[in-house]
Amino acid sequence: MISVIVPVFKTEKYLVQCIESVLSQTYRDLELILVDDGSPDRCGEICDRYAAQDDRVKVVHQANGGYSAARNAGLDLASGEYLTFVDSDDYLHEEALDVLYRSLVENNADFSMCCYEMVSETGEALSPPPSYDFRSGVFQGREVLRKWKYFPVIYIVPWNKLFKRELFSDIRFPLNKCHEDNFVLYKIFYKSSIIVGVPRGLYYYRQNTKGFMALGVTLEKSLCYLEALIERMYFYENHGLSETSEGLAIHLMDTYFELQSRFSLVDPVDVERARAIKKKTRFFIYKYKKYFTLKELLRFETPRLFEVLSSVKNGR
């Protein structure tokens, strides 16, 4: 059986299509776990209505805790041998679970993954998603970790994949964090000996500014992304992937500089948190300092002095 976990929050406009796309799958042996994460609209009512109509539907009502809390609640309730995630404003191709399941079983894989199609709020097809290096066929999870210092969206999200449930036996999504997928999926890839990529667009991703997600970069999102990168580097160091950490250190420095120019990381609202992030970043920067110039190290350590010296050099 496949457990389909759907976090639900402020997606009343799209929820019925999402639920119907799961219940109408050609693969029938499934349970649909709808986690109403304190949605203030009629989402909870819609979930309960479907639970009363179809015994494959389970509903959890909980106080709002965000994507991670909702997904974790679904993981705790899941009873299927396999599981997948669907966002409540998205929907599936009718053969999605059947194709992903057959690909997984036939290749004795730990998880299977497919391409996705982007649609508008009204469900109209949009331009193809940004170019990504989707790998079809059979491959190993650690190959992906060694290749990518920056994960393309198609790899880092959980919603286009069918997993063996055992992969999440000791893994949960972090609470109160943005970029929660970046804290989790690399661990799943590390645990996966066999992965199979299906080059079909079986998941429909809706471009939508409501619900759980909102567009725009904030200081909180940026700090969370840095924290996720740092955690990933510690993980690589402790699991025999230190050679991969070299490229990741460069990405870490680039990301830190980008955020430094976008926000005031010198005097942020959460000073202690920013200091802790900089301290951990410094550890990796100096461990791999042969990849950085003296100018980059100066910019990292004393950004204000760096700005002054740059202004003098440019005659400002």
C-alpha atoms as a PDB file:
ATOM      1  CA  MET A   1       0.000   0.000   0.000  1.00  0.00           C
ATOM      2  CA  ILE A   2       1.043   3.596  -0.699  1.00  0.00           C
ATOM      3  CA  SER A   3       0.458   6.335   1.866  1.00  0.00           C
ATOM      4  CA  VAL A   4      -0.169   9.713   0.211  1.00  0.00           C
ATOM      5  CA  ILE A   5       0.516  12.580   2.636  1.00  0.00           C
ATOM      6  CA  VAL A   6      -1.083  15.944   1.862  1.00  0.00           C
ATOM      7  CA  PRO A   7      -0.413  18.955   4.141  1.00  0.00           C
ATOM      8  CA  VAL A   8      -3.424  21.256   3.893  1.00  0.00           C
ATOM      9  CA  PHE A   9      -3.463  24.994   4.602  1.00  0.00           C
ATOM     10  CA  LYS A  10      -5.460  27.788   2.931  1.00  0.00           C
ATOM     11  CA  THR A  11      -5.907  25.966  -0.375  1.00  0.00           C
ATOM     12  CA  GLU A  12      -9.699  25.675  -0.422  1.00  0.00           C
ATOM     13  CA  LYS A  13      -9.754  26.764  -4.063  1.00  0.00           C
ATOM     14  CA  TYR A  14      -7.588  23.829  -5.212  1.00  0.00           C
ATOM     15  CA  LEU A  15      -8.074  21.126  -2.587  1.00  0.00           C
ATOM     16  CA  VAL A  16     -10.880  19.215  -4.304  1.00  0.00           C
ATOM     17  CA  GLN A  17      -8.836  18.798  -7.494  1.00  0.00           C
ATOM     18  CA  CYS A  18      -5.858  17.623  -5.444  1.00  0.00           C
ATOM     19  CA  ILE A  19      -7.923  15.036  -3.526  1.00  0.00           C
ATOM     20  CA  GLU A  20      -9.746  13.815  -6.633  1.00  0.00           C
ATOM     21  CA  SER A  21      -6.438  13.349  -8.466  1.00  0.00           C
ATOM     22  CA  VAL A  22      -5.246  11.017  -5.694  1.00  0.00           C
ATOM     23  CA  LEU A  23      -8.460   9.030  -5.252  1.00  0.00           C
ATOM     24  CA  SER A  24      -8.812   8.512  -9.026  1.00  0.00           C
ATOM     25  CA  GLN A  25      -5.339   6.994  -9.438  1.00  0.00           C
ATOM     26  CA  THR A  26      -5.163   3.822 -11.527  1.00  0.00           C
ATOM     27  CA  TYR A  27      -3.154   2.402  -8.604  1.00  0.00           C
ATOM     28  CA  ARG A  28      -5.915   1.689  -6.073  1.00  0.00           C
ATOM     29  CA  ASP A  29      -4.169   0.277  -2.984  1.00  0.00           C
ATOM     30  CA  LEU A  30      -3.561   3.572  -1.213  1.00  0.00           C
ATOM     31  CA  GLU A  31      -4.435   5.618   1.821  1.00  0.00           C
ATOM     32  CA  LEU A  32      -4.795   9.381   1.601  1.00  0.00           C
ATOM     33  CA  ILE A  33      -3.699  11.244   4.732  1.00  0.00           C
ATOM     34  CA  LEU A  34      -5.006  14.807   4.785  1.00  0.00           C
ATOM     35  CA  VAL A  35      -3.362  16.927   7.472  1.00  0.00           C
ATOM     36  CA  ASP A  36      -5.441  20.039   8.119  1.00  0.00           C
ATOM     37  CA  ASP A  37      -2.769  22.309   9.565  1.00  0.00           C
ATOM     38  CA  GLY A  38      -5.140  24.755  11.242  1.00  0.00           C
ATOM     39  CA  SER A  39      -6.451  26.103   7.955  1.00  0.00           C
ATOM     40  CA  PRO A  40      -8.847  29.024   8.626  1.00  0.00           C
ATOM     41  CA  ASP A  41     -11.011  28.405   5.556  1.00  0.00           C
ATOM     42  CA  ARG A  42     -13.232  25.431   4.610  1.00  0.00           C
ATOM     43  CA  CYS A  43     -10.329  23.052   3.986  1.00  0.00           C
ATOM     44  CA  GLY A  44     -11.010  21.070   7.170  1.00  0.00           C
ATOM     45  CA  GLU A  45     -14.659  20.629   6.188  1.00  0.00           C
ATOM     46  CA  ILE A  46     -13.680  19.426   2.708  1.00  0.00           C
ATOM     47  CA  CYS A  47     -11.244  16.910   4.206  1.00  0.00           C
ATOM     48  CA  ASP A  48     -13.921  15.520   6.551  1.00  0.00           C
ATOM     49  CA  ARG A  49     -16.415  15.217   3.701  1.00  0.00           C
ATOM     50  CA  TYR A  50     -14.059  13.036   1.694  1.00  0.00           C
ATOM     51  CA  ALA A  51     -13.225  10.916   4.749  1.00  0.00           C
ATOM     52  CA  ALA A  52     -16.934  10.195   5.166  1.00  0.00           C
ATOM     53  CA  GLN A  53     -17.218   9.170   1.501  1.00  0.00           C
ATOM     54  CA  ASP A  54     -14.086   7.025   1.065  1.00  0.00           C
ATOM     55  CA  ASP A  55     -12.578   4.802   3.762  1.00  0.00           C
ATOM     56  CA  ARG A  56      -9.124   5.249   2.196  1.00  0.00           C
ATOM     57  CA  VAL A  57      -9.094   8.831   3.466  1.00  0.00           C
ATOM     58  CA  LYS A  58      -7.723   9.707   6.917  1.00  0.00           C
ATOM     59  CA  VAL A  59      -7.884  13.228   8.333  1.00  0.00           C
ATOM     60  CA  VAL A  60      -5.780  14.917  10.983  1.00  0.00           C
ATOM     61  CA  HIS A  61      -6.795  18.300  12.383  1.00  0.00           C
ATOM     62  CA  GLN A  62      -4.044  20.164  14.225  1.00  0.00           C
ATOM     63  CA  ALA A  63      -2.961  23.667  15.204  1.00  0.00           C
ATOM     64  CA  ASN A  64      -0.994  25.466  12.529  1.00  0.00           C
ATOM     65  CA  GLY A  65       2.638  24.374  12.598  1.00  0.00           C
ATOM     66  CA  GLY A  66       3.764  24.710   8.983  1.00  0.00           C
ATOM     67  CA  TYR A  67       4.805  22.268   6.303  1.00  0.00           C
ATOM     68  CA  SER A  68       7.167  20.295   8.521  1.00  0.00           C
ATOM     69  CA  ALA A  69       4.660  19.739  11.328  1.00  0.00           C
ATOM     70  CA  ALA A  70       2.003  18.662   8.811  1.00  0.00           C
ATOM     71  CA  ARG A  71       4.286  16.280   6.952  1.00  0.00           C
ATOM     72  CA  ASN A  72       5.566  14.795  10.204  1.00  0.00           C
ATOM     73  CA  ALA A  73       2.007  14.179  11.387  1.00  0.00           C
ATOM     74  CA  GLY A  74       1.369  12.325   8.135  1.00  0.00           C
ATOM     75  CA  LEU A  75       4.547  10.284   8.521  1.00  0.00           C
ATOM     76  CA  ASP A  76       3.550   9.272  12.040  1.00  0.00           C
ATOM     77  CA  LEU A  77       0.151   8.062  10.802  1.00  0.00           C
ATOM     78  CA  ALA A  78       1.284   6.387   7.564  1.00  0.00           C
ATOM     79  CA  SER A  79       0.845   2.613   7.421  1.00  0.00           C
ATOM     80  CA  GLY A  80       1.790   1.930   3.797  1.00  0.00           C
ATOM     81  CA  GLU A  81       4.987   0.198   2.770  1.00  0.00           C
ATOM     82  CA  TYR A  82       5.575   3.148   0.448  1.00  0.00           C
ATOM     83  CA  LEU A  83       4.781   6.837   0.770  1.00  0.00           C
ATOM     84  CA  THR A  84       4.681  10.049  -1.204  1.00  0.00           C
ATOM     85  CA  PHE A  85       3.845  13.707  -0.612  1.00  0.00           C
ATOM     86  CA  VAL A  86       1.525  15.983  -2.561  1.00  0.00           C
ATOM     87  CA  ASP A  87       1.056  19.704  -1.887  1.00  0.00           C
ATOM     88  CA  SER A  88      -2.620  20.560  -1.509  1.00  0.00           C
ATOM     89  CA  ASP A  89      -2.648  23.099  -4.366  1.00  0.00           C
ATOM     90  CA  ASP A  90      -1.008  20.625  -6.774  1.00  0.00           C
ATOM     91  CA  TYR A  91      -2.323  17.433  -8.361  1.00  0.00           C
ATOM     92  CA  LEU A  92      -1.227  14.141  -9.932  1.00  0.00           C
ATOM     93  CA  HIS A  93      -1.492  12.556 -13.354  1.00  0.00           C
ATOM     94  CA  GLU A  94      -3.905   9.622 -13.039  1.00  0.00           C
ATOM     95  CA  GLU A  95      -1.088   7.115 -13.667  1.00  0.00           C
ATOM     96  CA  ALA A  96       1.485   8.774 -11.409  1.00  0.00           C
ATOM     97  CA  LEU A  97       1.462   6.283  -8.538  1.00  0.00           C
ATOM     98  CA  ASP A  98       1.179   3.259 -10.816  1.00  0.00           C
ATOM     99  CA  VAL A  99       4.171   4.306 -12.924  1.00  0.00           C
ATOM    100  CA  LEU A 100       6.315   5.281  -9.929  1.00  0.00           C
ATOM    101  CA  TYR A 101       5.389   2.091  -8.056  1.00  0.00           C
ATOM    102  CA  ARG A 102       6.160  -0.231 -10.974  1.00  0.00           C
ATOM    103  CA  SER A 103       9.463   1.538 -11.644  1.00  0.00           C
ATOM    104  CA  LEU A 104      10.461   1.247  -7.991  1.00  0.00           C
ATOM    105  CA  VAL A 105       9.525  -2.425  -7.623  1.00  0.00           C
ATOM    106  CA  GLU A 106      10.920  -3.582 -10.970  1.00  0.00           C
ATOM    107  CA  ASN A 107      14.304  -2.027 -10.135  1.00  0.00           C
ATOM    108  CA  ASN A 108      14.249  -2.898  -6.424  1.00  0.00           C
ATOM    109  CA  ALA A 109      14.816   0.793  -5.800  1.00  0.00           C
ATOM    110  CA  ASP A 110      14.647   2.736  -2.550  1.00  0.00           C
ATOM    111  CA  PHE A 111      12.669   5.470  -4.253  1.00  0.00           C
ATOM    112  CA  SER A 112      11.517   6.548  -7.696  1.00  0.00           C
ATOM    113  CA  MET A 113      11.108  10.087  -9.004  1.00  0.00           C
ATOM    114  CA  CYS A 114       9.466  11.743 -11.983  1.00  0.00           C
ATOM    115  CA  CYS A 115       9.484  15.047 -13.844  1.00  0.00           C
ATOM    116  CA  TYR A 116       6.871  17.708 -13.166  1.00  0.00           C
ATOM    117  CA  GLU A 117       4.760  20.090 -15.197  1.00  0.00           C
ATOM    118  CA  MET A 118       4.051  23.683 -14.208  1.00  0.00           C
ATOM    119  CA  VAL A 119       0.469  24.965 -14.383  1.00  0.00           C
ATOM    120  CA  SER A 120      -1.163  28.302 -13.619  1.00  0.00           C
ATOM    121  CA  GLU A 121      -3.650  28.951 -10.829  1.00  0.00           C
ATOM    122  CA  THR A 122      -6.403  28.000 -13.290  1.00  0.00           C
ATOM    123  CA  GLY A 123      -4.625  24.793 -14.317  1.00  0.00           C
ATOM    124  CA  GLU A 124      -3.372  25.993 -17.696  1.00  0.00           C
ATOM    125  CA  ALA A 125      -0.014  24.639 -18.868  1.00  0.00           C
ATOM    126  CA  LEU A 126       2.872  27.062 -18.427  1.00  0.00           C
ATOM    127  CA  SER A 127       6.296  27.159 -20.009  1.00  0.00           C
ATOM    128  CA  PRO A 128       8.453  24.170 -19.140  1.00  0.00           C
ATOM    129  CA  PRO A 129      10.084  24.435 -15.703  1.00  0.00           C
ATOM    130  CA  PRO A 130      13.593  25.887 -15.517  1.00  0.00           C
ATOM    131  CA  SER A 131      16.179  23.601 -17.052  1.00  0.00           C
ATOM    132  CA  TYR A 132      17.253  20.867 -14.707  1.00  0.00           C
ATOM    133  CA  ASP A 133      19.557  17.929 -15.163  1.00  0.00           C
ATOM    134  CA  PHE A 134      16.940  15.239 -14.610  1.00  0.00           C
ATOM    135  CA  ARG A 135      18.538  11.841 -14.586  1.00  0.00           C
ATOM    136  CA  SER A 136      16.434   9.012 -15.968  1.00  0.00           C
ATOM    137  CA  GLY A 137      17.145   5.343 -15.415  1.00  0.00           C
ATOM    138  CA  VAL A 138      18.813   3.734 -12.403  1.00  0.00           C
ATOM    139  CA  PHE A 139      21.483   5.455 -10.304  1.00  0.00           C
ATOM    140  CA  GLN A 140      22.810   5.691  -6.751  1.00  0.00           C
ATOM    141  CA  GLY A 141      21.910   8.362  -4.220  1.00  0.00           C
ATOM    142  CA  ARG A 142      25.486   9.206  -3.307  1.00  0.00           C
ATOM    143  CA  GLU A 143      26.252   9.859  -6.976  1.00  0.00           C
ATOM    144  CA  VAL A 144      23.768  12.732  -6.787  1.00  0.00           C
ATOM    145  CA  LEU A 145      25.332  14.070  -3.575  1.00  0.00           C
ATOM    146  CA  ARG A 146      28.796  14.054  -5.159  1.00  0.00           C
ATOM    147  CA  LYS A 147      27.563  15.808  -8.285  1.00  0.00           C
ATOM    148  CA  TRP A 148      25.403  18.604  -6.903  1.00  0.00           C
ATOM    149  CA  LYS A 149      26.591  21.306  -4.533  1.00  0.00           C
ATOM    150  CA  TYR A 150      23.370  23.179  -5.282  1.00  0.00           C
ATOM    151  CA  PHE A 151      20.416  20.832  -5.599  1.00  0.00           C
ATOM    152  CA  PRO A 152      18.049  21.584  -8.495  1.00  0.00           C
ATOM    153  CA  VAL A 153      14.440  21.791  -7.302  1.00  0.00           C
ATOM    154  CA  ILE A 154      13.515  18.452  -8.829  1.00  0.00           C
ATOM    155  CA  TYR A 155      15.950  16.652  -6.516  1.00  0.00           C
ATOM    156  CA  ILE A 156      15.430  18.523  -3.253  1.00  0.00           C
ATOM    157  CA  VAL A 157      11.604  18.436  -3.059  1.00  0.00           C
ATOM    158  CA  PRO A 158       9.734  15.365  -1.728  1.00  0.00           C
ATOM    159  CA  TRP A 159       6.581  15.736  -3.830  1.00  0.00           C
ATOM    160  CA  ASN A 160       7.684  14.104  -7.109  1.00  0.00           C
ATOM    161  CA  LYS A 161       8.953  10.944  -5.471  1.00  0.00           C
ATOM    162  CA  LEU A 162       7.702   7.593  -4.191  1.00  0.00           C
ATOM    163  CA  PHE A 163       9.714   6.354  -1.195  1.00  0.00           C
ATOM    164  CA  LYS A 164      10.050   3.157   0.736  1.00  0.00           C
ATOM    165  CA  ARG A 165       8.609   4.212   4.098  1.00  0.00           C
ATOM    166  CA  GLU A 166      11.619   2.788   5.950  1.00  0.00           C
ATOM    167  CA  LEU A 167      13.754   5.629   4.572  1.00  0.00           C
ATOM    168  CA  PHE A 168      11.957   7.945   7.018  1.00  0.00           C
ATOM    169  CA  SER A 169      12.249   5.618  10.019  1.00  0.00           C
ATOM    170  CA  ASP A 170      14.693   7.997  11.732  1.00  0.00           C
ATOM    171  CA  ILE A 171      14.127  11.153   9.687  1.00  0.00           C
ATOM    172  CA  ARG A 172      11.585  13.939  10.173  1.00  0.00           C
ATOM    173  CA  PHE A 173      11.242  17.453   8.789  1.00  0.00           C
ATOM    174  CA  PRO A 174      12.625  20.212  11.069  1.00  0.00           C
ATOM    175  CA  LEU A 175      10.039  22.316  12.858  1.00  0.00           C
ATOM    176  CA  ASN A 176       9.895  26.096  12.530  1.00  0.00           C
ATOM    177  CA  LYS A 177      12.299  26.190   9.588  1.00  0.00           C
ATOM    178  CA  CYS A 178      11.976  27.583   6.082  1.00  0.00           C
ATOM    179  CA  HIS A 179      13.627  25.537   3.317  1.00  0.00           C
ATOM    180  CA  GLU A 180      12.694  22.422   5.296  1.00  0.00           C
ATOM    181  CA  ASP A 181      13.360  20.163   2.301  1.00  0.00           C
ATOM    182  CA  ASN A 182      17.013  21.257   2.273  1.00  0.00           C
ATOM    183  CA  PHE A 183      17.433  19.823   5.767  1.00  0.00           C
ATOM    184  CA  VAL A 184      16.070  16.398   4.794  1.00  0.00           C
ATOM    185  CA  LEU A 185      16.369  15.173   1.213  1.00  0.00           C
ATOM    186  CA  TYR A 186      20.162  14.839   1.094  1.00  0.00           C
ATOM    187  CA  LYS A 187      19.861  12.344   3.979  1.00  0.00           C
ATOM    188  CA  ILE A 188      17.346  10.338   1.967  1.00  0.00           C
ATOM    189  CA  PHE A 189      19.674  10.310  -1.040  1.00  0.00           C
ATOM    190  CA  TYR A 190      22.534   9.167   1.191  1.00  0.00           C
ATOM    191  CA  LYS A 191      20.465   6.211   2.476  1.00  0.00           C
ATOM    192  CA  SER A 192      19.317   5.183  -1.022  1.00  0.00           C
ATOM    193  CA  SER A 193      21.398   2.552  -2.789  1.00  0.00           C
ATOM    194  CA  ILE A 194      19.141   2.482  -5.845  1.00  0.00           C
ATOM    195  CA  ILE A 195      17.060   5.319  -7.305  1.00  0.00           C
ATOM    196  CA  VAL A 196      15.111   5.227 -10.550  1.00  0.00           C
ATOM    197  CA  GLY A 197      14.222   8.325 -12.576  1.00  0.00           C
ATOM    198  CA  VAL A 198      11.088   8.297 -14.738  1.00  0.00           C
ATOM    199  CA  PRO A 199      11.272  10.920 -17.535  1.00  0.00           C
ATOM    200  CA  ARG A 200       7.547  11.719 -17.540  1.00  0.00           C
ATOM    201  CA  GLY A 201       5.746  14.763 -16.161  1.00  0.00           C
ATOM    202  CA  LEU A 202       3.434  13.012 -13.699  1.00  0.00           C
ATOM    203  CA  TYR A 203       3.185  15.744 -11.074  1.00  0.00           C
ATOM    204  CA  TYR A 204       1.446  19.069 -11.735  1.00  0.00           C
ATOM    205  CA  TYR A 205       3.001  21.938  -9.801  1.00  0.00           C
ATOM    206  CA  ARG A 206       0.804  25.007  -9.491  1.00  0.00           C
ATOM    207  CA  GLN A 207       2.451  28.409  -9.461  1.00  0.00           C
ATOM    208  CA  ASN A 208       0.599  29.961  -6.575  1.00  0.00           C
ATOM    209  CA  THR A 209       1.434  32.627  -4.001  1.00  0.00           C
ATOM    210  CA  LYS A 210      -1.089  31.442  -1.415  1.00  0.00           C
ATOM    211  CA  GLY A 211      -1.196  28.430   0.863  1.00  0.00           C
ATOM    212  CA  PHE A 212       1.959  27.388   2.666  1.00  0.00           C
ATOM    213  CA  MET A 213       4.348  29.031   0.215  1.00  0.00           C
ATOM    214  CA  ALA A 214       4.896  32.664  -0.632  1.00  0.00           C
ATOM    215  CA  LEU A 215       7.265  34.213  -3.115  1.00  0.00           C
ATOM    216  CA  GLY A 216      10.088  36.460  -2.046  1.00  0.00           C
ATOM    217  CA  VAL A 217      13.334  36.236  -0.147  1.00  0.00           C
ATOM    218  CA  THR A 218      13.321  37.184   3.532  1.00  0.00           C
ATOM    219  CA  LEU A 219      16.045  37.274   6.155  1.00  0.00           C
ATOM    220  CA  GLU A 220      14.441  34.307   7.908  1.00  0.00           C
ATOM    221  CA  LYS A 221      14.391  32.195   4.731  1.00  0.00           C
ATOM    222  CA  SER A 222      17.970  33.165   3.996  1.00  0.00           C
ATOM    223  CA  LEU A 223      19.248  32.268   7.453  1.00  0.00           C
ATOM    224  CA  CYS A 224      17.426  28.929   7.305  1.00  0.00           C
ATOM    225  CA  TYR A 225      19.030  28.153   3.955  1.00  0.00           C
ATOM    226  CA  LEU A 226      22.479  28.889   5.390  1.00  0.00           C
ATOM    227  CA  GLU A 227      21.721  26.675   8.394  1.00  0.00           C
ATOM    228  CA  ALA A 228      20.643  23.865   6.077  1.00  0.00           C
ATOM    229  CA  LEU A 229      23.873  24.187   4.071  1.00  0.00           C
ATOM    230  CA  ILE A 230      25.971  24.075   7.239  1.00  0.00           C
ATOM    231  CA  GLU A 231      24.119  21.013   8.556  1.00  0.00           C
ATOM    232  CA  ARG A 232      24.648  19.320   5.199  1.00  0.00           C
ATOM    233  CA  MET A 233      28.395  20.022   5.343  1.00  0.00           C
ATOM    234  CA  TYR A 234      28.668  18.558   8.835  1.00  0.00           C
ATOM    235  CA  PHE A 235      26.760  15.504   7.575  1.00  0.00           C
ATOM    236  CA  TYR A 236      29.126  15.072   4.629  1.00  0.00           C
ATOM    237  CA  GLU A 237      32.171  15.423   6.890  1.00  0.00           C
ATOM    238  CA  ASN A 238      30.834  12.738   9.243  1.00  0.00           C
ATOM    239  CA  HIS A 239      29.749  10.301   6.533  1.00  0.00           C
ATOM    240  CA  GLY A 240      32.807   9.979   4.311  1.00  0.00           C
ATOM    241  CA  LEU A 241      31.857  12.630   1.750  1.00  0.00           C
ATOM    242  CA  SER A 242      34.469  15.219   2.640  1.00  0.00           C
ATOM    243  CA  GLU A 243      35.558  15.517  -1.010  1.00  0.00           C
ATOM    244  CA  THR A 244      32.045  16.766  -1.768  1.00  0.00           C
ATOM    245  CA  SER A 245      32.340  19.341   1.019  1.00  0.00           C
ATOM    246  CA  GLU A 246      35.008  21.211  -0.965  1.00  0.00           C
ATOM    247  CA  GLY A 247      32.574  22.322  -3.655  1.00  0.00           C
ATOM    248  CA  LEU A 248      29.885  22.893  -1.062  1.00  0.00           C
ATOM    249  CA  ALA A 249      32.211  25.229   0.880  1.00  0.00           C
ATOM    250  CA  ILE A 250      32.466  27.463  -2.200  1.00  0.00           C
ATOM    251  CA  HIS A 251      28.670  27.477  -2.492  1.00  0.00           C
ATOM    252  CA  LEU A 252      28.435  28.298   1.222  1.00  0.00           C
ATOM    253  CA  MET A 253      30.744  31.293   0.846  1.00  0.00           C
ATOM    254  CA  ASP A 254      28.896  32.520  -2.272  1.00  0.00           C
ATOM    255  CA  THR A 255      25.562  32.183  -0.479  1.00  0.00           C
ATOM    256  CA  TYR A 256      26.848  34.018   2.571  1.00  0.00           C
ATOM    257  CA  PHE A 257      28.089  36.918   0.422  1.00  0.00           C
ATOM    258  CA  GLU A 258      24.816  37.066  -1.486  1.00  0.00           C
ATOM    259  CA  LEU A 259      22.823  37.307   1.723  1.00  0.00           C
ATOM    260  CA  GLN A 260      25.304  39.756   3.179  1.00  0.00           C
ATOM    261  CA  SER A 261      24.701  42.101   0.253  1.00  0.00           C
ATOM    262  CA  ARG A 262      20.926  41.644   0.415  1.00  0.00           C
ATOM    263  CA  PHE A 263      20.499  41.941   4.187  1.00  0.00           C
ATOM    264  CA  SER A 264      22.416  43.359   7.114  1.00  0.00           C
ATOM    265  CA  LEU A 265      23.949  40.214   8.547  1.00  0.00           C
ATOM    266  CA  VAL A 266      26.274  42.373  10.638  1.00  0.00           C
ATOM    267  CA  ASP A 267      23.456  43.735  12.810  1.00  0.00           C
ATOM    268  CA  PRO A 268      20.458  41.453  12.192  1.00  0.00           C
ATOM    269  CA  VAL A 269      17.437  41.182  14.432  1.00  0.00           C
ATOM    270  CA  ASP A 270      18.605  37.807  15.789  1.00  0.00           C
ATOM    271  CA  VAL A 271      22.207  38.668  16.633  1.00  0.00           C
ATOM    272  CA  GLU A 272      23.103  35.461  18.470  1.00  0.00           C
ATOM    273  CA  ARG A 273      21.732  33.275  15.717  1.00  0.00           C
ATOM    274  CA  ALA A 274      23.653  35.189  13.054  1.00  0.00           C
ATOM    275  CA  ARG A 275      26.854  34.921  15.103  1.00  0.00           C
ATOM    276  CA  ALA A 276      26.406  31.162  15.452  1.00  0.00           C
ATOM    277  CA  ILE A 277      25.882  30.841  11.703  1.00  0.00           C
ATOM    278  CA  LYS A 278      28.983  32.904  10.959  1.00  0.00           C
ATOM    279  CA  LYS A 279      31.050  30.855  13.426  1.00  0.00           C
ATOM    280  CA  LYS A 280      30.039  27.588  11.769  1.00  0.00           C
ATOM    281  CA  THR A 281      30.557  29.075   8.309  1.00  0.00           C
ATOM    282  CA  ARG A 282      34.033  30.233   9.343  1.00  0.00           C
ATOM    283  CA  PHE A 283      34.958  26.671  10.353  1.00  0.00           C
ATOM    284  CA  PHE A 284      34.387  25.377   6.822  1.00  0.00           C
ATOM    285  CA  ILE A 285      35.748  28.457   5.064  1.00  0.00           C
ATOM    286  CA  TYR A 286      39.108  28.082   6.794  1.00  0.00           C
ATOM    287  CA  LYS A 287      39.158  24.322   6.470  1.00  0.00           C
ATOM    288  CA  TYR A 288      38.967  24.805   2.707  1.00  0.00           C
ATOM    289  CA  LYS A 289      40.669  28.211   2.579  1.00  0.00           C
ATOM    290  CA  LYS A 290      42.906  27.162  -0.333  1.00  0.00           C
ATOM    291  CA  TYR A 291      39.831  27.708  -2.531  1.00  0.00           C
ATOM    292  CA  PHE A 292      39.405  31.339  -1.449  1.00  0.00           C
ATOM    293  CA  THR A 293      41.351  34.512  -2.114  1.00  0.00           C
ATOM    294  CA  LEU A 294      42.618  36.865   0.559  1.00  0.00           C
ATOM    295  CA  LYS A 295      40.085  39.391  -0.718  1.00  0.00           C
ATOM    296  CA  GLU A 296      37.228  36.937  -0.103  1.00  0.00           C
ATOM    297  CA  LEU A 297      38.461  36.140   3.401  1.00  0.00           C
ATOM    298  CA  LEU A 298      38.706  39.857   4.200  1.00  0.00           C
ATOM    299  CA  ARG A 299      35.171  40.404   2.944  1.00  0.00           C
ATOM    300  CA  PHE A 300      33.942  37.536   5.117  1.00  0.00           C
ATOM    301  CA  GLU A 301      35.700  38.606   8.323  1.00  0.00           C
ATOM    302  CA  THR A 302      35.346  42.389   8.129  1.00  0.00           C
ATOM    303  CA  PRO A 303      32.610  43.311   5.663  1.00  0.00           C
ATOM    304  CA  ARG A 304      32.485  46.965   6.690  1.00  0.00           C
ATOM    305  CA  LEU A 305      36.243  47.405   6.261  1.00  0.00           C
ATOM    306  CA  PHE A 306      36.000  45.610   2.934  1.00  0.00           C
ATOM    307  CA  GLU A 307      33.301  48.054   1.799  1.00  0.00           C
ATOM    308  CA  VAL A 308      35.430  51.046   2.852  1.00  0.00           C
ATOM    309  CA  LEU A 309      38.527  49.757   1.049  1.00  0.00           C
ATOM    310  CA  SER A 310      36.476  48.958  -2.051  1.00  0.00           C
ATOM    311  CA  SER A 311      35.024  52.475  -2.042  1.00  0.00           C
ATOM    312  CA  VAL A 312      38.509  54.022  -1.756  1.00  0.00           C
ATOM    313  CA  LYS A 313      39.796  51.845  -4.583  1.00  0.00           C
ATOM    314  CA  ASN A 314      36.881  52.839  -6.788  1.00  0.00           C
ATOM    315  CA  GLY A 315      37.379  56.515  -5.982  1.00  0.00           C
ATOM    316  CA  ARG A 316      34.077  57.003  -4.229  1.00  0.00           C
END
